[in-house]
Amino acid sequence: MTRNIPLEGVEHPDHRVKFRLSPGDIQAVRFGISPGHEMVHAVRAMLRPAQHPLQWGWLRQARERVPAEPFRLLADVIGADGYLPDFLTATPRWDLTPEEELLALRTAAVAGMRVDFGKMVLRSTGERRAALRRMQGHPEHARALIAEAWERVWDALLAPLWPQLERILRADVAVRSRTSATEGIGRMASGIHPSVSWSDDAVRVSLRRHSEDVDCRGSGLVLVPSVMGSAGCMVLTEPPAQPTLFYPAHGVTAGWAGDTADTASALAALMGGARAEILLAAHVARTTSQVAADAGIAVSTASHHLGVLRASGLVTSTRDGARMLHLRTPLGEAVVGAAL
């Protein structure tokens, strides 16, 4: 894996990763989300707050909840900048959950971990290098400790705010998907970040420390928005991983971690409390009965509200056997994201 994180305005003018695409690969450009990517950048924001001003609101809430020993272990593995090891993140997908991310970490291949530890040892000094060497020598034990630390730090720092994070990520994808459909994938890709440009056969990303040509022909490219990784773009290029571009999600402000009640109130003022509650919970597919039970209303009332939301283009309803499942549309994701 090769990942580089440039701070705004300091990309090396000659350092550029080029993702080469064939005409057929255009159809294979897709979006994903990565709980693991959010996690590693949450740790880095804690380590260097001055470099992550958009996380200051979150930091004020989260710093008192940090579990000291698990955080120290993750800080040694992740580091404050630069290279990130493969095994910390699964392949990003649209429906990837934190639980799946943790399972992938618990079952990460030991051989790959040894390679990643070796790369980190070369990039570290002092006590951190010594700790990484110990992990490299006992990767199975290190994997168990890292997974346990990941779970504890996630539960303390990000789990309470994952609904907000996920809404922002999905809203970003919804807006960019619409741009791709209405204005073309080139316009969408060029608007991802100032360091990203699009040409007839490639997506180019200016980075601080790395240059590479990546042949995506046959594999496509995964585009992954990030809330915590707001300082710049990163790339994943080393096989067998699928070529991936991580970029700052659109519209992230220092207040993104505000109380979810504020979001619910804003939406309630727009569409009414019951419909706002239904829309906020519609990031997962639910039956009409489940919607009614979650909202504490009658099934007939839930059906009426879902009909209004569906007619407004905010919710889609699809039949699954005898069941009807309701889920937010891209427009619904954008509305919820805007309310944040």
Protein backbone atom coordinates (compact mmCIF):
# COMPACT_ATOMS: atom_id res chain seq x y z
CA MET A 1 0.00 0.00 0.00
CA THR A 2 1.18 3.52 -0.71
CA ARG A 3 -0.60 6.34 1.05
CA ASN A 4 0.43 9.95 1.36
CA ILE A 5 -1.39 12.77 3.09
CA PRO A 6 -0.57 16.27 1.80
CA LEU A 7 -1.38 19.31 3.87
CA GLU A 8 -3.10 22.06 1.94
CA GLY A 9 -0.75 24.05 -0.23
CA VAL A 10 2.39 21.95 0.28
CA GLU A 11 2.11 19.29 -2.42
CA HIS A 12 5.38 18.74 -4.27
CA PRO A 13 4.88 20.08 -7.82
CA ASP A 14 6.51 16.98 -9.34
CA HIS A 15 4.84 14.39 -7.14
CA ARG A 16 1.72 13.04 -8.77
CA VAL A 17 -0.04 9.69 -8.70
CA LYS A 18 -1.76 8.92 -11.98
CA PHE A 19 -4.59 6.40 -12.01
CA ARG A 20 -4.75 5.24 -15.63
CA LEU A 21 -8.22 4.20 -16.81
CA SER A 22 -9.43 2.57 -20.00
CA PRO A 23 -12.83 3.49 -21.48
CA GLY A 24 -14.33 0.37 -19.91
CA ASP A 25 -12.99 1.30 -16.47
CA ILE A 26 -15.16 4.40 -16.37
CA GLN A 27 -18.04 2.10 -15.51
CA ALA A 28 -15.95 0.59 -12.70
CA VAL A 29 -15.34 3.88 -10.88
CA ARG A 30 -17.38 3.53 -7.70
CA PHE A 31 -17.78 5.04 -4.26
CA GLY A 32 -17.22 3.49 -0.85
CA ILE A 33 -16.96 4.42 2.79
CA SER A 34 -14.26 3.33 5.24
CA PRO A 35 -14.78 3.29 9.02
CA GLY A 36 -11.12 2.31 9.38
CA HIS A 37 -9.96 5.37 7.48
CA GLU A 38 -12.04 7.58 9.79
CA MET A 39 -10.51 5.80 12.77
CA VAL A 40 -6.87 6.25 11.79
CA HIS A 41 -7.42 9.94 11.14
CA ALA A 42 -9.24 10.37 14.44
CA VAL A 43 -6.07 9.10 16.10
CA ARG A 44 -3.94 11.47 14.03
CA ALA A 45 -6.20 14.41 14.88
CA MET A 46 -5.68 13.60 18.55
CA LEU A 47 -1.91 13.44 18.05
CA ARG A 48 -1.64 16.72 16.11
CA PRO A 49 -4.73 18.87 16.73
CA ALA A 50 -3.18 21.98 15.16
CA GLN A 51 -3.14 20.27 11.76
CA HIS A 52 -6.82 19.32 11.94
CA PRO A 53 -8.85 22.48 12.66
CA LEU A 54 -12.07 21.00 11.27
CA GLN A 55 -11.92 18.40 14.05
CA TRP A 56 -11.62 20.87 16.94
CA GLY A 57 -15.32 20.66 17.78
CA TRP A 58 -15.08 16.87 17.90
CA LEU A 59 -11.82 17.02 19.85
CA ARG A 60 -13.40 19.15 22.58
CA GLN A 61 -15.99 16.42 23.08
CA ALA A 62 -13.74 13.41 22.61
CA ARG A 63 -10.49 14.16 24.42
CA GLU A 64 -11.93 13.33 27.84
CA ARG A 65 -13.07 9.90 26.65
CA VAL A 66 -9.71 8.64 25.32
CA PRO A 67 -8.75 5.23 26.77
CA ALA A 68 -5.06 5.85 27.45
CA GLU A 69 -3.37 2.47 26.90
CA PRO A 70 -5.35 1.38 23.82
CA PHE A 71 -4.84 4.83 22.28
CA ARG A 72 -1.09 4.69 22.92
CA LEU A 73 -0.87 1.34 21.14
CA LEU A 74 -2.81 2.61 18.11
CA ALA A 75 -0.71 5.78 18.03
CA ASP A 76 2.44 3.64 17.71
CA VAL A 77 0.92 1.68 14.84
CA ILE A 78 -0.68 4.60 13.01
CA GLY A 79 1.82 7.41 13.56
CA ALA A 80 1.13 11.11 13.24
CA ASP A 81 1.68 11.43 9.48
CA GLY A 82 2.64 9.62 6.28
CA TYR A 83 2.42 5.89 5.60
CA LEU A 84 -0.48 3.81 6.91
CA PRO A 85 -0.36 0.00 7.01
CA ASP A 86 -2.68 -2.10 4.88
CA PHE A 87 -4.15 -4.18 7.65
CA LEU A 88 -5.80 -1.24 9.43
CA THR A 89 -8.51 -0.83 6.79
CA ALA A 90 -10.65 -3.24 4.80
CA THR A 91 -11.54 -2.58 1.16
CA PRO A 92 -13.98 0.38 1.22
CA ARG A 93 -17.56 -0.42 0.24
CA TRP A 94 -20.80 1.54 0.18
CA ASP A 95 -22.24 -0.72 2.90
CA LEU A 96 -19.08 -1.41 4.95
CA THR A 97 -19.86 -1.36 8.68
CA PRO A 98 -17.55 -0.75 11.66
CA GLU A 99 -18.21 -4.34 12.78
CA GLU A 100 -17.02 -5.69 9.42
CA GLU A 101 -13.97 -3.44 9.58
CA LEU A 102 -13.06 -4.83 13.00
CA LEU A 103 -13.57 -8.42 11.83
CA ALA A 104 -11.23 -7.81 8.88
CA LEU A 105 -8.61 -6.51 11.32
CA ARG A 106 -8.98 -9.53 13.61
CA THR A 107 -8.40 -11.86 10.63
CA ALA A 108 -5.73 -9.85 8.79
CA ALA A 109 -3.09 -11.96 7.04
CA VAL A 110 0.01 -12.35 9.21
CA ALA A 111 2.41 -12.31 6.25
CA GLY A 112 1.09 -8.95 5.10
CA MET A 113 1.29 -7.58 8.64
CA ARG A 114 4.99 -8.48 8.86
CA VAL A 115 5.62 -6.52 5.65
CA ASP A 116 3.65 -3.52 6.93
CA PHE A 117 5.43 -3.56 10.29
CA GLY A 118 8.75 -3.61 8.44
CA LYS A 119 7.79 -0.51 6.46
CA MET A 120 6.74 1.28 9.64
CA VAL A 121 9.96 0.33 11.43
CA LEU A 122 11.95 2.00 8.64
CA ARG A 123 9.82 5.14 9.01
CA SER A 124 10.06 5.43 12.80
CA THR A 125 12.62 6.11 15.52
CA GLY A 126 13.15 5.69 19.25
CA GLU A 127 10.54 4.05 21.44
CA ARG A 128 8.02 3.79 18.61
CA ARG A 129 10.50 1.85 16.46
CA ALA A 130 11.23 -0.52 19.34
CA ALA A 131 7.50 -1.12 19.91
CA LEU A 132 6.93 -1.80 16.21
CA ARG A 133 9.82 -4.24 16.10
CA ARG A 134 8.29 -6.17 18.98
CA MET A 135 4.99 -6.32 17.08
CA GLN A 136 6.79 -7.42 13.93
CA GLY A 137 8.34 -10.30 15.84
CA HIS A 138 4.99 -11.51 17.20
CA PRO A 139 2.37 -10.50 14.61
CA GLU A 140 -0.41 -12.84 15.82
CA HIS A 141 -0.21 -11.41 19.34
CA ALA A 142 0.09 -7.88 17.96
CA ARG A 143 -2.98 -8.39 15.77
CA ALA A 144 -5.09 -9.38 18.78
CA LEU A 145 -3.87 -6.43 20.83
CA ILE A 146 -4.40 -3.96 17.99
CA ALA A 147 -7.92 -5.23 17.31
CA GLU A 148 -8.83 -4.94 20.99
CA ALA A 149 -7.40 -1.41 21.11
CA TRP A 150 -9.23 -0.49 17.88
CA GLU A 151 -12.54 -1.62 19.37
CA ARG A 152 -12.06 0.28 22.63
CA VAL A 153 -10.93 3.50 20.95
CA TRP A 154 -13.72 3.27 18.36
CA ASP A 155 -16.36 2.76 21.06
CA ALA A 156 -15.04 5.76 23.01
CA LEU A 157 -14.32 8.25 20.23
CA LEU A 158 -16.31 7.50 17.08
CA ALA A 159 -19.16 5.09 17.82
CA PRO A 160 -21.28 7.83 19.49
CA LEU A 161 -20.89 10.00 16.39
CA TRP A 162 -20.92 7.38 13.66
CA PRO A 163 -24.49 8.28 12.59
CA GLN A 164 -23.39 11.88 11.91
CA LEU A 165 -20.22 10.71 10.17
CA GLU A 166 -22.08 8.24 8.02
CA ARG A 167 -24.71 10.80 7.01
CA ILE A 168 -22.05 13.27 5.87
CA LEU A 169 -20.21 10.58 3.91
CA ARG A 170 -23.37 9.34 2.20
CA ALA A 171 -24.51 12.88 1.45
CA ASP A 172 -21.15 13.58 -0.24
CA VAL A 173 -21.50 10.44 -2.35
CA ALA A 174 -25.08 11.36 -3.25
CA VAL A 175 -24.11 14.83 -4.45
CA ARG A 176 -21.12 13.59 -6.45
CA SER A 177 -23.14 10.74 -7.98
CA ARG A 178 -25.68 13.27 -9.16
CA THR A 179 -22.92 15.44 -10.65
CA SER A 180 -21.51 12.40 -12.42
CA ALA A 181 -24.93 11.54 -13.85
CA THR A 182 -25.83 15.07 -14.97
CA GLU A 183 -22.47 16.62 -15.89
CA GLY A 184 -20.19 13.66 -16.48
CA ILE A 185 -17.65 11.75 -14.46
CA GLY A 186 -14.84 14.10 -15.52
CA ARG A 187 -16.57 17.12 -13.98
CA MET A 188 -17.31 15.12 -10.84
CA ALA A 189 -13.71 13.89 -10.44
CA SER A 190 -12.23 17.33 -11.06
CA GLY A 191 -14.40 18.75 -8.29
CA ILE A 192 -13.26 16.28 -5.64
CA HIS A 193 -10.31 18.36 -4.40
CA PRO A 194 -7.89 21.00 -5.77
CA SER A 195 -5.16 18.36 -5.91
CA VAL A 196 -7.26 16.06 -8.14
CA SER A 197 -7.61 16.49 -11.90
CA TRP A 198 -9.18 14.42 -14.66
CA SER A 199 -8.07 13.83 -18.23
CA ASP A 200 -9.26 11.53 -21.00
CA ASP A 201 -7.46 8.49 -19.64
CA ALA A 202 -6.46 9.17 -16.05
CA VAL A 203 -7.24 10.65 -12.65
CA ARG A 204 -4.22 12.58 -11.32
CA VAL A 205 -3.59 13.33 -7.65
CA SER A 206 -0.87 15.73 -6.48
CA LEU A 207 0.84 14.44 -3.34
CA ARG A 208 3.61 15.55 -1.05
CA ARG A 209 5.91 12.54 -1.02
CA HIS A 210 5.10 10.10 -3.78
CA SER A 211 4.88 9.70 -7.55
CA GLU A 212 3.51 6.65 -9.35
CA ASP A 213 1.60 5.52 -12.42
CA VAL A 214 -1.15 3.06 -11.47
CA ASP A 215 -2.76 0.89 -14.13
CA CYS A 216 -6.42 0.60 -13.14
CA ARG A 217 -7.44 -1.15 -16.34
CA GLY A 218 -9.56 -4.09 -15.35
CA SER A 219 -9.88 -3.07 -11.70
CA GLY A 220 -11.40 0.40 -11.78
CA LEU A 221 -11.04 3.00 -9.04
CA VAL A 222 -12.73 3.42 -5.64
CA LEU A 223 -13.49 6.97 -4.47
CA VAL A 224 -13.85 7.31 -0.70
CA PRO A 225 -14.93 10.53 1.09
CA SER A 226 -13.61 11.19 4.58
CA VAL A 227 -14.72 13.45 7.43
CA MET A 228 -11.78 12.88 9.78
CA GLY A 229 -9.22 12.92 6.96
CA SER A 230 -9.96 16.54 6.11
CA ALA A 231 -6.35 17.68 5.59
CA GLY A 232 -5.97 16.33 2.06
CA CYS A 233 -6.09 13.37 -0.28
CA MET A 234 -4.52 9.95 0.18
CA VAL A 235 -4.15 7.03 -2.20
CA LEU A 236 -3.97 3.26 -2.01
CA THR A 237 -2.07 1.80 -4.94
CA GLU A 238 -0.24 -1.39 -4.02
CA PRO A 239 -1.73 -4.73 -5.20
CA PRO A 240 -3.68 -6.76 -4.28
CA ALA A 241 -5.71 -3.83 -2.95
CA GLN A 242 -8.01 -2.11 -5.42
CA PRO A 243 -6.75 1.36 -6.44
CA THR A 244 -8.40 3.83 -4.09
CA LEU A 245 -8.53 7.61 -3.68
CA PHE A 246 -9.50 9.02 -0.28
CA TYR A 247 -10.58 12.66 -0.32
CA PRO A 248 -12.10 15.20 2.14
CA ALA A 249 -15.89 15.00 2.19
CA HIS A 250 -17.78 18.03 0.93
CA GLY A 251 -19.14 20.55 3.41
CA VAL A 252 -17.32 19.42 6.58
CA THR A 253 -17.14 22.23 9.14
CA ALA A 254 -15.84 22.39 12.70
CA GLY A 255 -19.42 21.90 13.89
CA TRP A 256 -20.00 18.56 12.17
CA ALA A 257 -19.98 16.71 15.51
CA GLY A 258 -22.90 18.70 16.91
CA ASP A 259 -25.71 17.04 18.81
CA THR A 260 -27.93 14.87 16.61
CA ALA A 261 -30.89 16.55 18.28
CA ASP A 262 -29.92 19.74 16.43
CA THR A 263 -30.12 17.89 13.11
CA ALA A 264 -33.46 16.36 14.02
CA SER A 265 -34.81 19.78 15.02
CA ALA A 266 -33.67 21.35 11.75
CA LEU A 267 -35.32 18.63 9.70
CA ALA A 268 -38.44 18.68 11.87
CA ALA A 269 -38.85 22.39 11.16
CA LEU A 270 -38.73 21.54 7.45
CA MET A 271 -40.93 18.46 7.23
CA GLY A 272 -42.43 17.71 10.64
CA GLY A 273 -41.08 15.67 13.53
CA ALA A 274 -42.33 12.21 12.52
CA ARG A 275 -41.09 12.44 8.93
CA ALA A 276 -37.76 13.86 10.09
CA GLU A 277 -37.32 10.92 12.47
CA ILE A 278 -38.19 8.43 9.74
CA LEU A 279 -35.79 10.05 7.27
CA LEU A 280 -32.93 10.19 9.78
CA ALA A 281 -33.29 6.46 10.47
CA ALA A 282 -33.66 5.50 6.80
CA HIS A 283 -29.94 4.92 6.21
CA VAL A 284 -30.73 1.21 6.58
CA ALA A 285 -33.54 -0.57 4.76
CA ARG A 286 -36.57 -1.23 7.01
CA THR A 287 -40.05 -2.59 6.55
CA THR A 288 -43.10 -0.42 7.16
CA SER A 289 -43.70 -2.25 10.43
CA GLN A 290 -40.13 -1.62 11.55
CA VAL A 291 -40.42 2.05 10.67
CA ALA A 292 -43.63 2.26 12.69
CA ALA A 293 -42.13 0.48 15.69
CA ASP A 294 -38.96 2.61 15.67
CA ALA A 295 -40.99 5.83 15.48
CA GLY A 296 -43.63 4.67 17.96
CA ILE A 297 -46.52 5.26 15.56
CA ALA A 298 -49.22 3.16 13.92
CA VAL A 299 -48.35 1.20 10.77
CA SER A 300 -50.97 3.14 8.80
CA THR A 301 -49.43 6.44 9.94
CA ALA A 302 -45.92 5.22 9.03
CA SER A 303 -47.21 4.18 5.62
CA HIS A 304 -48.66 7.66 5.06
CA HIS A 305 -45.43 9.42 6.05
CA LEU A 306 -43.37 7.07 3.88
CA GLY A 307 -45.66 7.85 0.97
CA VAL A 308 -45.03 11.58 1.39
CA LEU A 309 -41.27 11.07 1.67
CA ARG A 310 -41.33 8.79 -1.39
CA ALA A 311 -43.33 11.30 -3.43
CA SER A 312 -40.78 13.96 -2.46
CA GLY A 313 -37.92 11.80 -3.75
CA LEU A 314 -36.35 11.40 -0.30
CA VAL A 315 -37.10 7.71 0.24
CA THR A 316 -37.30 4.78 -2.14
CA SER A 317 -39.43 1.68 -1.51
CA THR A 318 -38.61 -1.69 -3.05
CA ARG A 319 -40.35 -5.04 -2.70
CA ASP A 320 -38.45 -7.95 -1.17
CA GLY A 321 -40.80 -10.93 -1.39
CA ALA A 322 -43.80 -10.10 0.76
CA ARG A 323 -42.01 -7.16 2.38
CA MET A 324 -41.62 -3.55 1.30
CA LEU A 325 -38.25 -2.05 2.27
CA HIS A 326 -37.72 1.70 2.62
CA LEU A 327 -34.34 3.45 2.24
CA ARG A 328 -33.07 7.01 1.77
CA THR A 329 -32.43 8.08 -1.80
CA PRO A 330 -29.34 10.10 -2.84
CA LEU A 331 -31.51 13.22 -2.56
CA GLY A 332 -32.53 12.13 0.95
CA GLU A 333 -28.87 11.65 1.84
CA ALA A 334 -28.08 15.14 0.58
CA VAL A 335 -30.94 16.68 2.58
CA VAL A 336 -29.83 14.98 5.78
CA GLY A 337 -26.19 15.90 5.13
CA ALA A 338 -27.13 19.55 4.52
CA ALA A 339 -28.99 19.66 7.83
CA LEU A 340 -25.74 18.78 9.57
